[in-house]
Amino acid sequence: MIFLILIFAIFTALISASLVIPRAGGPSFVPIPPSCNVTNPLPCTANTTRISGYMPSSNFTSNHQLYSFYLLASQLNSTAQFQGCLQQCNGFGTPGTCKAALLAYDVPTPADFFGTQGGVLEIACFMYSKFLSRGDFVKAPNGTYVDERAGNIRC
C-alpha cells in the first residue's frame, strides 16, 4: 500500500511539474544554432558591424517590435550584451517568431519607465517580428543610438 501511495505521489508531482507555466519575465536565452545565419542590416559603410545615429523608423517599430528591455550600466562587454540580445530574440515565442534584434547605447527610455518621465539614456535591446533592412532605419536624435549592433536571425 505504501508503495502505491509513493508511486501515486511521484506520478502526481511529475504531471504537475509539466503543467507549470513559465515565469513572467523576459524571453529565454536560446543559443543560435550553427545552421542559422546572423546578418547585419545596419546602414553602415564597408564591413563595419557597428554604427551610431540610426534607429528603426516609428512605423517599423510600432508594427514589428515584439519586446524590448533596457540595461543599466553593466559589467558585460558590448559583444556579450549583443549576444544576449540575439539569444533572447531567438528564445522569444515559438522558433522563428523573433527575426531581428538591435542593441544600442544611449537610447532614451520611454515615458513611465520605472515611474520616470522617460528620456533617460540607457543601453537597449529591441526585438522584432520582421527582418530589418537598411531602408527601415532613420536618423536618430543627435547623441542617441550610439555604437549599435543589429542582427537578422535566419534559420
C-alpha atoms as a PDB file:
ATOM      1  CA  MET A   1       0.000   0.000   0.000  1.00  0.00           C
ATOM      2  CA  ILE A   2       2.791   2.424   0.900  1.00  0.00           C
ATOM      3  CA  PHE A   3       4.430   1.565  -2.412  1.00  0.00           C
ATOM      4  CA  LEU A   4       1.260   2.547  -4.319  1.00  0.00           C
ATOM      5  CA  ILE A   5       0.975   5.824  -2.409  1.00  0.00           C
ATOM      6  CA  LEU A   6       4.617   6.594  -3.157  1.00  0.00           C
ATOM      7  CA  ILE A   7       4.136   5.836  -6.883  1.00  0.00           C
ATOM      8  CA  PHE A   8       0.966   7.982  -6.936  1.00  0.00           C
ATOM      9  CA  ALA A   9       2.809  10.889  -5.242  1.00  0.00           C
ATOM     10  CA  ILE A  10       5.707  10.730  -7.702  1.00  0.00           C
ATOM     11  CA  PHE A  11       3.333  10.496 -10.679  1.00  0.00           C
ATOM     12  CA  THR A  12       1.309  13.476  -9.412  1.00  0.00           C
ATOM     13  CA  ALA A  13       4.475  15.558  -8.907  1.00  0.00           C
ATOM     14  CA  LEU A  14       5.707  14.766 -12.422  1.00  0.00           C
ATOM     15  CA  ILE A  15       2.355  15.650 -14.002  1.00  0.00           C
ATOM     16  CA  SER A  16       2.138  18.901 -12.014  1.00  0.00           C
ATOM     17  CA  ALA A  17       5.677  19.912 -12.952  1.00  0.00           C
ATOM     18  CA  SER A  18       4.913  19.507 -16.648  1.00  0.00           C
ATOM     19  CA  LEU A  19       1.896  21.823 -16.377  1.00  0.00           C
ATOM     20  CA  VAL A  20       3.749  24.709 -14.724  1.00  0.00           C
ATOM     21  CA  ILE A  21       3.527  27.867 -16.799  1.00  0.00           C
ATOM     22  CA  PRO A  22       6.906  29.581 -17.333  1.00  0.00           C
ATOM     23  CA  ARG A  23       7.514  32.501 -15.005  1.00  0.00           C
ATOM     24  CA  ALA A  24       6.821  36.025 -16.116  1.00  0.00           C
ATOM     25  CA  GLY A  25       9.796  37.931 -17.414  1.00  0.00           C
ATOM     26  CA  GLY A  26      11.968  38.216 -20.460  1.00  0.00           C
ATOM     27  CA  PRO A  27      12.475  35.645 -23.177  1.00  0.00           C
ATOM     28  CA  SER A  28      14.774  32.718 -22.501  1.00  0.00           C
ATOM     29  CA  PHE A  29      18.376  32.798 -23.671  1.00  0.00           C
ATOM     30  CA  VAL A  30      18.466  30.268 -26.535  1.00  0.00           C
ATOM     31  CA  PRO A  31      21.826  29.908 -28.306  1.00  0.00           C
ATOM     32  CA  ILE A  32      21.694  30.414 -32.052  1.00  0.00           C
ATOM     33  CA  PRO A  33      22.447  27.098 -33.796  1.00  0.00           C
ATOM     34  CA  PRO A  34      25.403  26.966 -36.202  1.00  0.00           C
ATOM     35  CA  SER A  35      22.919  26.226 -39.003  1.00  0.00           C
ATOM     36  CA  CYS A  36      21.497  29.760 -38.627  1.00  0.00           C
ATOM     37  CA  ASN A  37      22.990  32.917 -40.121  1.00  0.00           C
ATOM     38  CA  VAL A  38      23.048  36.290 -38.391  1.00  0.00           C
ATOM     39  CA  THR A  39      23.359  39.143 -40.872  1.00  0.00           C
ATOM     40  CA  ASN A  40      23.926  42.830 -40.213  1.00  0.00           C
ATOM     41  CA  PRO A  41      21.110  45.065 -41.540  1.00  0.00           C
ATOM     42  CA  LEU A  42      22.549  48.388 -40.321  1.00  0.00           C
ATOM     43  CA  PRO A  43      23.014  51.192 -42.849  1.00  0.00           C
ATOM     44  CA  CYS A  44      26.792  51.136 -42.496  1.00  0.00           C
ATOM     45  CA  THR A  45      29.672  51.590 -44.848  1.00  0.00           C
ATOM     46  CA  ALA A  46      32.311  48.990 -45.700  1.00  0.00           C
ATOM     47  CA  ASN A  47      32.245  45.999 -43.373  1.00  0.00           C
ATOM     48  CA  THR A  48      31.563  47.893 -40.176  1.00  0.00           C
ATOM     49  CA  THR A  49      29.469  45.860 -37.749  1.00  0.00           C
ATOM     50  CA  ARG A  50      28.596  48.844 -35.570  1.00  0.00           C
ATOM     51  CA  ILE A  51      27.233  52.264 -36.368  1.00  0.00           C
ATOM     52  CA  SER A  52      25.839  55.236 -34.462  1.00  0.00           C
ATOM     53  CA  GLY A  53      22.946  57.586 -35.025  1.00  0.00           C
ATOM     54  CA  TYR A  54      20.290  55.440 -36.702  1.00  0.00           C
ATOM     55  CA  MET A  55      17.142  53.862 -35.325  1.00  0.00           C
ATOM     56  CA  PRO A  56      14.294  51.819 -36.805  1.00  0.00           C
ATOM     57  CA  SER A  57      11.503  54.084 -38.071  1.00  0.00           C
ATOM     58  CA  SER A  58       8.486  54.596 -35.823  1.00  0.00           C
ATOM     59  CA  ASN A  59       6.335  52.799 -38.411  1.00  0.00           C
ATOM     60  CA  PHE A  60       8.605  49.721 -38.337  1.00  0.00           C
ATOM     61  CA  THR A  61       8.773  49.786 -34.535  1.00  0.00           C
ATOM     62  CA  SER A  62       5.021  50.157 -33.996  1.00  0.00           C
ATOM     63  CA  ASN A  63       4.226  47.330 -36.419  1.00  0.00           C
ATOM     64  CA  HIS A  64       7.012  44.853 -35.666  1.00  0.00           C
ATOM     65  CA  GLN A  65       8.504  45.371 -32.192  1.00  0.00           C
ATOM     66  CA  LEU A  66       7.916  42.278 -30.058  1.00  0.00           C
ATOM     67  CA  TYR A  67       9.843  43.083 -26.919  1.00  0.00           C
ATOM     68  CA  SER A  68      12.404  45.478 -25.504  1.00  0.00           C
ATOM     69  CA  PHE A  69      14.438  45.865 -22.375  1.00  0.00           C
ATOM     70  CA  TYR A  70      16.868  48.405 -21.005  1.00  0.00           C
ATOM     71  CA  LEU A  71      20.107  47.599 -19.232  1.00  0.00           C
ATOM     72  CA  LEU A  72      21.721  49.728 -16.591  1.00  0.00           C
ATOM     73  CA  ALA A  73      25.485  50.085 -16.604  1.00  0.00           C
ATOM     74  CA  SER A  74      26.720  46.546 -16.924  1.00  0.00           C
ATOM     75  CA  GLN A  75      29.911  44.650 -16.376  1.00  0.00           C
ATOM     76  CA  LEU A  76      29.327  42.719 -19.593  1.00  0.00           C
ATOM     77  CA  ASN A  77      31.161  43.972 -22.637  1.00  0.00           C
ATOM     78  CA  SER A  78      29.238  45.066 -25.726  1.00  0.00           C
ATOM     79  CA  THR A  79      29.858  41.772 -27.542  1.00  0.00           C
ATOM     80  CA  ALA A  80      28.359  39.760 -24.666  1.00  0.00           C
ATOM     81  CA  GLN A  81      25.423  42.183 -24.407  1.00  0.00           C
ATOM     82  CA  PHE A  82      24.697  41.828 -28.122  1.00  0.00           C
ATOM     83  CA  GLN A  83      24.987  38.028 -27.942  1.00  0.00           C
ATOM     84  CA  GLY A  84      22.481  38.063 -25.066  1.00  0.00           C
ATOM     85  CA  CYS A  85      20.108  40.283 -27.038  1.00  0.00           C
ATOM     86  CA  LEU A  86      20.306  37.946 -30.055  1.00  0.00           C
ATOM     87  CA  GLN A  87      19.869  34.834 -27.899  1.00  0.00           C
ATOM     88  CA  GLN A  88      16.804  36.290 -26.186  1.00  0.00           C
ATOM     89  CA  CYS A  89      15.355  37.150 -29.590  1.00  0.00           C
ATOM     90  CA  ASN A  90      15.998  33.550 -30.619  1.00  0.00           C
ATOM     91  CA  GLY A  91      14.219  32.383 -27.448  1.00  0.00           C
ATOM     92  CA  PHE A  92      11.170  34.604 -27.907  1.00  0.00           C
ATOM     93  CA  GLY A  93       7.927  32.710 -28.555  1.00  0.00           C
ATOM     94  CA  THR A  94       7.950  29.795 -30.942  1.00  0.00           C
ATOM     95  CA  PRO A  95      11.050  29.306 -33.117  1.00  0.00           C
ATOM     96  CA  GLY A  96      11.213  31.942 -35.837  1.00  0.00           C
ATOM     97  CA  THR A  97       8.862  34.418 -34.128  1.00  0.00           C
ATOM     98  CA  CYS A  98      11.642  36.929 -33.452  1.00  0.00           C
ATOM     99  CA  LYS A  99      13.577  37.641 -36.618  1.00  0.00           C
ATOM    100  CA  ALA A 100      15.790  40.625 -35.716  1.00  0.00           C
ATOM    101  CA  ALA A 101      17.424  42.215 -32.691  1.00  0.00           C
ATOM    102  CA  LEU A 102      19.107  45.573 -32.160  1.00  0.00           C
ATOM    103  CA  LEU A 103      21.337  46.631 -29.267  1.00  0.00           C
ATOM    104  CA  ALA A 104      22.303  50.297 -28.849  1.00  0.00           C
ATOM    105  CA  TYR A 105      23.727  52.606 -26.222  1.00  0.00           C
ATOM    106  CA  ASP A 106      22.315  55.968 -25.182  1.00  0.00           C
ATOM    107  CA  VAL A 107      18.747  55.091 -26.135  1.00  0.00           C
ATOM    108  CA  PRO A 108      16.094  57.278 -24.454  1.00  0.00           C
ATOM    109  CA  THR A 109      13.795  55.294 -22.180  1.00  0.00           C
ATOM    110  CA  PRO A 110      10.054  55.610 -22.801  1.00  0.00           C
ATOM    111  CA  ALA A 111       7.737  57.694 -20.597  1.00  0.00           C
ATOM    112  CA  ASP A 112       6.759  55.934 -17.353  1.00  0.00           C
ATOM    113  CA  PHE A 113       9.877  53.757 -17.435  1.00  0.00           C
ATOM    114  CA  PHE A 114      10.068  52.747 -13.765  1.00  0.00           C
ATOM    115  CA  GLY A 115       7.995  55.809 -12.876  1.00  0.00           C
ATOM    116  CA  THR A 116      10.232  58.309 -14.660  1.00  0.00           C
ATOM    117  CA  GLN A 117       9.282  60.842 -17.304  1.00  0.00           C
ATOM    118  CA  GLY A 118      11.432  58.873 -19.725  1.00  0.00           C
ATOM    119  CA  GLY A 119      14.289  60.178 -21.791  1.00  0.00           C
ATOM    120  CA  VAL A 120      16.995  58.643 -19.584  1.00  0.00           C
ATOM    121  CA  LEU A 121      19.771  57.335 -21.828  1.00  0.00           C
ATOM    122  CA  GLU A 122      20.344  53.612 -21.289  1.00  0.00           C
ATOM    123  CA  ILE A 123      21.519  50.512 -23.130  1.00  0.00           C
ATOM    124  CA  ALA A 124      18.569  48.981 -25.005  1.00  0.00           C
ATOM    125  CA  CYS A 125      17.770  45.705 -26.714  1.00  0.00           C
ATOM    126  CA  PHE A 126      14.865  45.637 -29.173  1.00  0.00           C
ATOM    127  CA  MET A 127      13.382  42.523 -30.769  1.00  0.00           C
ATOM    128  CA  TYR A 128      11.324  42.459 -33.954  1.00  0.00           C
ATOM    129  CA  SER A 129       8.954  40.093 -35.781  1.00  0.00           C
ATOM    130  CA  LYS A 130      10.313  41.118 -39.191  1.00  0.00           C
ATOM    131  CA  PHE A 131      13.826  41.208 -40.625  1.00  0.00           C
ATOM    132  CA  LEU A 132      15.377  44.673 -40.559  1.00  0.00           C
ATOM    133  CA  SER A 133      16.665  46.184 -43.801  1.00  0.00           C
ATOM    134  CA  ARG A 134      18.759  49.283 -44.394  1.00  0.00           C
ATOM    135  CA  GLY A 135      15.611  51.107 -45.554  1.00  0.00           C
ATOM    136  CA  ASP A 136      13.922  50.565 -42.164  1.00  0.00           C
ATOM    137  CA  PHE A 137      16.338  52.954 -40.428  1.00  0.00           C
ATOM    138  CA  VAL A 138      16.007  56.704 -39.944  1.00  0.00           C
ATOM    139  CA  LYS A 139      18.359  59.245 -38.404  1.00  0.00           C
ATOM    140  CA  ALA A 140      18.164  59.194 -34.590  1.00  0.00           C
ATOM    141  CA  PRO A 141      18.212  62.340 -32.446  1.00  0.00           C
ATOM    142  CA  ASN A 142      21.765  63.618 -32.045  1.00  0.00           C
ATOM    143  CA  GLY A 143      23.776  61.710 -29.439  1.00  0.00           C
ATOM    144  CA  THR A 144      21.403  58.730 -29.258  1.00  0.00           C
ATOM    145  CA  TYR A 145      21.572  55.186 -30.621  1.00  0.00           C
ATOM    146  CA  VAL A 146      25.330  55.020 -30.199  1.00  0.00           C
ATOM    147  CA  ASP A 147      27.503  52.009 -31.020  1.00  0.00           C
ATOM    148  CA  GLU A 148      24.597  49.981 -32.391  1.00  0.00           C
ATOM    149  CA  ARG A 149      24.671  46.344 -33.356  1.00  0.00           C
ATOM    150  CA  ALA A 150      21.851  44.606 -35.158  1.00  0.00           C
ATOM    151  CA  GLY A 151      21.271  41.139 -36.482  1.00  0.00           C
ATOM    152  CA  ASN A 152      18.718  39.317 -38.596  1.00  0.00           C
ATOM    153  CA  ILE A 153      18.457  35.694 -37.477  1.00  0.00           C
ATOM    154  CA  ARG A 154      17.810  33.382 -40.421  1.00  0.00           C
ATOM    155  CA  CYS A 155      17.398  29.694 -39.667  1.00  0.00           C
END
